[in-house]
Amino acid sequence: MWELFCFVVNTYYEDPQKYIENKREILQKLHDHFGINRFF
């Protein structure tokens, strides 16, 4: 759970363009994992 959140944050800070491109996928992973997408 926490690892996934850290992965999202690290992806954003390391490569914002990649984060933007993958945002939908990342949000879907968060939604699948938590049942809600409360972080973004």
Protein backbone atom coordinates (compact mmCIF):
# COMPACT_ATOMS: atom_id res chain seq x y z
CA MET A 1 0.00 0.00 0.00
CA TRP A 2 2.60 2.54 1.09
CA GLU A 3 5.05 1.23 -1.52
CA LEU A 4 2.55 2.02 -4.27
CA PHE A 5 2.11 5.57 -3.00
CA CYS A 6 5.88 6.05 -2.86
CA PHE A 7 6.17 4.70 -6.40
CA VAL A 8 3.66 7.26 -7.63
CA VAL A 9 5.44 10.12 -5.85
CA ASN A 10 8.86 9.00 -7.08
CA THR A 11 7.61 8.67 -10.64
CA TYR A 12 6.20 12.19 -10.48
CA TYR A 13 9.36 13.79 -9.12
CA GLU A 14 11.80 11.83 -11.28
CA ASP A 15 9.96 12.25 -14.57
CA PRO A 16 6.89 14.51 -14.60
CA GLN A 17 6.31 13.92 -18.32
CA LYS A 18 6.23 10.17 -17.77
CA TYR A 19 3.89 10.70 -14.84
CA ILE A 20 1.52 12.74 -17.00
CA GLU A 21 1.57 10.08 -19.72
CA ASN A 22 0.91 7.32 -17.20
CA LYS A 23 -1.43 9.26 -14.92
CA ARG A 24 -4.55 7.39 -16.03
CA GLU A 25 -2.85 4.04 -15.43
CA ILE A 26 -1.48 5.16 -12.07
CA LEU A 27 -4.88 6.45 -10.96
CA GLN A 28 -6.43 3.16 -12.02
CA LYS A 29 -3.86 1.24 -9.96
CA LEU A 30 -4.59 3.43 -6.94
CA HIS A 31 -8.32 2.99 -7.46
CA ASP A 32 -7.96 -0.79 -7.77
CA HIS A 33 -5.71 -0.93 -4.72
CA PHE A 34 -7.62 1.32 -2.34
CA GLY A 35 -11.09 1.28 -3.83
CA ILE A 36 -10.87 5.06 -4.04
CA ASN A 37 -8.48 7.52 -5.65
CA ARG A 38 -8.10 9.85 -2.71
CA PHE A 39 -4.54 10.98 -3.38
CA PHE A 40 -5.10 12.83 -6.63
